[in-house]
Protein backbone atom coordinates (compact mmCIF):
# COMPACT_ATOMS: atom_id res chain seq x y z
CA UNK A 1 37.92 104.05 96.04
CA UNK A 2 34.22 104.74 96.97
CA UNK A 3 31.34 103.88 99.04
CA UNK A 4 29.53 102.63 95.84
CA UNK A 5 32.45 100.10 95.11
CA UNK A 6 32.40 98.74 98.57
CA UNK A 7 28.54 98.29 98.66
CA UNK A 8 28.67 96.58 95.22
CA UNK A 9 31.66 94.28 96.20
CA UNK A 10 30.48 93.33 99.72
CA UNK A 11 26.89 93.65 99.63
CA UNK A 12 27.24 95.62 103.04
CA UNK A 13 25.97 99.23 103.80
CA UNK A 14 28.37 101.85 104.34
CA UNK A 15 27.88 103.14 108.13
CA UNK A 16 30.07 106.18 107.79
CA UNK A 17 32.60 107.99 105.84
CA UNK A 18 35.56 109.46 107.90
CA UNK A 19 37.07 112.49 106.20
CA UNK A 20 41.07 112.93 106.24
CA UNK A 21 42.63 113.41 109.49
CA UNK A 22 46.33 114.28 109.40
CA UNK A 23 48.76 113.35 112.28
CA UNK A 24 50.85 116.38 113.29
CA UNK A 25 54.65 115.98 113.43
CA UNK A 26 55.21 118.11 116.43
CA UNK A 27 53.81 115.51 118.73
CA UNK A 28 50.44 117.05 119.22
CA UNK A 29 47.27 115.09 119.68
CA UNK A 30 46.28 113.24 116.26
CA UNK A 31 43.15 111.86 115.17
CA UNK A 32 42.64 109.06 117.80
CA UNK A 33 40.60 111.07 120.01
CA UNK A 34 39.17 113.75 117.52
CA UNK A 35 35.74 113.76 118.70
CA UNK A 36 36.87 114.61 122.29
CA UNK A 37 39.45 117.03 121.45
CA UNK A 38 37.87 118.89 118.58
CA UNK A 39 34.08 118.18 119.09
CA UNK A 40 33.07 120.80 116.46
CA UNK A 41 35.27 119.55 113.57
CA UNK A 42 33.81 117.74 110.61
CA UNK A 43 35.75 114.63 111.72
CA UNK A 44 33.96 114.56 114.88
CA UNK A 45 30.45 114.99 113.20
CA UNK A 46 31.37 111.92 111.00
CA UNK A 47 31.81 109.83 114.18
CA UNK A 48 28.61 111.07 115.56
CA UNK A 49 27.02 110.03 112.25
CA UNK A 50 28.76 106.54 112.59
CA UNK A 51 27.12 106.43 116.18
CA UNK A 52 23.86 107.20 114.84
CA UNK A 53 24.15 104.33 112.10
CA UNK A 54 25.08 101.89 114.66
CA UNK A 55 22.16 102.79 116.86
CA UNK A 56 19.82 102.41 113.99
CA UNK A 57 21.57 99.37 112.58
CA UNK A 58 20.55 97.05 115.11
CA UNK A 59 18.55 97.27 118.38
CA UNK A 60 20.58 98.05 121.39
CA UNK A 61 19.96 94.50 123.02
CA UNK A 62 21.17 93.10 119.54
CA UNK A 63 24.32 95.14 119.32
CA UNK A 64 25.95 95.40 122.76
CA UNK A 65 29.10 93.42 121.97
CA UNK A 66 30.59 95.34 119.03
CA UNK A 67 33.79 94.01 117.21
CA UNK A 68 35.81 96.62 115.13
CA UNK A 69 38.18 95.15 112.79
CA UNK A 70 39.63 95.58 109.45
CA UNK A 71 40.69 93.52 106.48
CA UNK A 72 44.35 94.31 106.71
CA UNK A 73 46.82 96.28 108.82
CA UNK A 74 46.90 100.04 108.69
CA UNK A 75 43.25 100.65 107.81
CA UNK A 76 42.24 102.54 110.92
CA UNK A 77 40.30 100.16 113.14
CA UNK A 78 41.66 101.54 116.47
CA UNK A 79 41.12 104.94 115.70
CA UNK A 80 37.35 104.09 114.77
CA UNK A 81 37.09 102.12 117.88
CA UNK A 82 38.44 104.95 120.19
CA UNK A 83 36.26 107.84 118.49
CA UNK A 84 33.16 105.67 118.26
CA UNK A 85 33.48 104.79 121.90
CA UNK A 86 33.79 108.19 122.83
CA UNK A 87 30.74 109.03 120.74
CA UNK A 88 28.70 106.51 122.50
CA UNK A 89 29.65 107.46 125.80
CA UNK A 90 28.77 111.09 125.17
CA UNK A 91 25.30 109.96 124.12
CA UNK A 92 24.93 108.74 127.86
CA UNK A 93 25.63 105.21 127.54
CA UNK A 94 28.21 103.35 129.53
CA UNK A 95 30.92 102.07 127.16
CA UNK A 96 33.96 99.82 127.63
CA UNK A 97 36.67 99.65 124.97
CA UNK A 98 38.33 96.36 125.24
CA UNK A 99 41.41 96.15 123.38
CA UNK A 100 41.63 92.32 122.33
CA UNK A 101 44.57 93.04 119.88
CA UNK A 102 47.13 91.29 121.96
CA UNK A 103 49.63 91.32 119.04
CA UNK A 104 49.79 94.99 117.94
CA UNK A 105 47.56 96.87 120.78
CA UNK A 106 46.87 100.50 120.32
CA UNK A 107 44.25 101.65 122.93
CA UNK A 108 46.81 102.05 125.62
CA UNK A 109 48.67 104.61 123.23
CA UNK A 110 45.44 106.31 122.22
CA UNK A 111 44.41 106.97 125.76
CA UNK A 112 48.04 107.34 127.27
CA UNK A 113 47.63 104.28 129.57
CA UNK A 114 50.41 102.00 130.79
CA UNK A 115 49.52 98.51 129.41
CA UNK A 116 52.35 96.59 131.19
CA UNK A 117 50.82 97.50 134.47
CA UNK A 118 47.20 95.98 133.92
CA UNK A 119 44.89 94.99 131.24
CA UNK A 120 43.25 91.94 129.51
CA UNK A 121 46.01 89.52 129.54
CA UNK A 122 46.75 90.19 133.20
CA UNK A 123 43.01 89.22 134.07
CA UNK A 124 43.18 86.16 131.66
CA UNK A 125 46.29 84.74 133.36
CA UNK A 126 45.00 85.44 136.90
CA UNK A 127 47.26 88.13 137.72
CA UNK A 128 44.69 90.52 138.78
CA UNK A 129 41.04 90.91 138.86
CA UNK A 130 38.82 92.62 136.31
CA UNK A 131 37.99 95.48 138.45
CA UNK A 132 41.49 96.03 138.96
CA UNK A 133 42.30 96.13 135.36
CA UNK A 134 39.70 98.30 133.77
CA UNK A 135 40.83 101.91 133.76
CA UNK A 136 38.74 105.28 133.59
CA UNK A 137 39.18 107.79 130.64
CA UNK A 138 38.86 111.50 130.57
CA UNK A 139 35.43 110.98 128.88
CA UNK A 140 32.57 110.55 131.51
CA UNK A 141 30.93 107.01 131.02
CA UNK A 142 33.93 105.67 129.04
CA UNK A 143 36.45 103.01 130.55
CA UNK A 144 39.25 101.22 128.97
CA UNK A 145 40.70 97.74 129.41
CA UNK A 146 44.03 97.70 127.72
CA UNK A 147 45.48 94.56 125.99
CA UNK A 148 47.91 94.09 129.05
CA UNK A 149 51.43 92.85 128.92
CA UNK A 150 52.55 90.60 125.91
CA UNK A 151 51.64 86.94 126.06
CA UNK A 152 52.85 83.99 123.79
CA UNK A 153 49.54 82.48 123.06
CA UNK A 154 46.93 85.43 122.03
CA UNK A 155 44.62 83.02 120.00
CA UNK A 156 44.47 80.32 122.85
CA UNK A 157 43.56 82.93 125.47
CA UNK A 158 41.01 84.55 123.27
CA UNK A 159 39.46 81.17 122.63
CA UNK A 160 39.38 80.15 126.44
CA UNK A 161 36.48 79.71 128.72
CA UNK A 162 38.11 82.55 130.88
CA UNK A 163 37.63 85.18 128.00
CA UNK A 164 34.06 84.17 127.38
CA UNK A 165 33.22 84.64 131.18
CA UNK A 166 35.14 87.84 130.93
CA UNK A 167 32.73 89.10 128.11
CA UNK A 168 29.74 88.01 130.15
CA UNK A 169 30.75 90.07 133.21
CA UNK A 170 31.55 93.12 131.31
CA UNK A 171 28.36 92.95 129.34
CA UNK A 172 26.56 93.03 132.58
CA UNK A 173 28.23 96.30 133.62
CA UNK A 174 28.25 98.32 130.29
CA UNK A 175 25.83 99.10 127.75
CA UNK A 176 28.25 98.69 124.97
CA UNK A 177 31.40 97.01 124.57
CA UNK A 178 33.62 97.86 121.64
CA UNK A 179 36.31 95.29 120.84
CA UNK A 180 39.30 96.27 119.06
CA UNK A 181 40.83 93.27 117.30
CA UNK A 182 43.67 92.23 115.00
CA UNK A 183 42.91 92.61 111.30
CA UNK A 184 41.12 89.51 109.64
CA UNK A 185 43.84 88.65 107.00
CA UNK A 186 46.63 88.57 109.58
CA UNK A 187 45.61 85.97 112.23
CA UNK A 188 42.73 83.75 113.44
CA UNK A 189 42.17 86.09 116.70
CA UNK A 190 39.44 88.43 114.84
CA UNK A 191 37.45 85.22 113.88
CA UNK A 192 37.43 83.78 117.36
CA UNK A 193 36.13 87.23 118.57
CA UNK A 194 33.63 87.84 115.81
CA UNK A 195 31.96 84.56 116.76
CA UNK A 196 31.30 86.01 120.22
CA UNK A 197 30.41 89.56 119.27
CA UNK A 198 26.81 90.71 118.72
CA UNK A 199 27.91 92.60 115.55
CA UNK A 200 30.97 93.23 113.61
CA UNK A 201 31.99 96.60 112.01
CA UNK A 202 34.62 96.30 109.19
CA UNK A 203 37.00 99.32 108.56
CA UNK A 204 38.37 100.03 105.22
CA UNK A 205 40.90 102.81 104.12
CA UNK A 206 40.79 104.42 100.80
CA UNK A 207 43.72 103.76 98.40
CA UNK A 208 45.05 101.13 101.02
CA UNK A 209 42.34 98.41 101.21
CA UNK A 210 42.34 95.94 98.32
CA UNK A 211 39.67 94.30 96.70
CA UNK A 212 41.07 90.83 97.00
CA UNK A 213 41.86 91.02 100.73
CA UNK A 214 38.67 92.70 101.70
CA UNK A 215 36.61 90.08 100.03
CA UNK A 216 38.54 87.23 101.58
CA UNK A 217 37.90 89.06 105.08
CA UNK A 218 34.24 89.41 104.34
CA UNK A 219 34.15 85.58 103.34
CA UNK A 220 36.09 84.64 106.49
CA UNK A 221 33.85 86.50 108.70
CA UNK A 222 30.93 84.68 107.02
CA UNK A 223 32.40 81.26 107.88
CA UNK A 224 32.03 81.91 111.50
CA UNK A 225 28.53 83.37 111.08
CA UNK A 226 29.55 86.98 112.16
CA UNK A 227 26.93 89.47 111.76
CA UNK A 228 28.70 92.29 109.91
CA UNK A 229 26.55 95.37 110.52
CA UNK A 230 28.38 97.47 107.85
CA UNK A 231 31.55 99.21 106.57
CA UNK A 232 33.48 102.35 107.95
CA UNK A 233 35.34 103.91 104.96
CA UNK A 234 38.18 106.33 105.93
CA UNK A 235 40.36 108.48 103.88
CA UNK A 236 42.49 109.53 107.15
CA UNK A 237 46.16 109.40 107.60
CA UNK A 238 47.41 107.82 111.01
CA UNK A 239 50.69 106.94 112.62
CA UNK A 240 51.52 103.76 114.30
CA UNK A 241 48.18 102.29 113.52
CA UNK A 242 47.52 98.70 113.94
């Protein structure tokens, strides 16, 4: 229920607090690109504060592959990934948002892209090149690699040499790569990703995240030697969030 409770429970710093963001019912843009659509809002300022915390939390060369995950579904990791990616791009750095949630992907919805046409899984299954799969966003310096078409074996793909090589290629092209992953409590995918990332950000949501599941997620990340940079604490309301 509070940042103090999180810090005491997990022994992790709170990198940012995201205020309530309501999803409109009329189909208008929701919170997923708040920092671009309403740059003067307090929500946008909260994401800029988060950007600053990330920049100062670890040297740039030690935090280029940033995994964003949550303890359980519905806590807002995809929204945080999208807005943080936009914020870093607005600071002049080249950013790739990589949607590695191959089970309940969200970045294609946030950025209005067709994941069936191209994306991560298509590259890993040799259906197209990485260059063909990466898409531009409306934000300068920000590119998107959606999850791609559904596959029957997400964990095996993410644990493959092909994915490791793909990460090496994109990190040579971008200043930061933000990786959106499934929740830690759901599947093994985020642990595979956390072991390859430079740092991990854990997203929690007020009145939704529970102590038991959150502690279990923190312990699971520790078992793969993930470097957890800190926690993002949100009170926002989302729709169709993974």
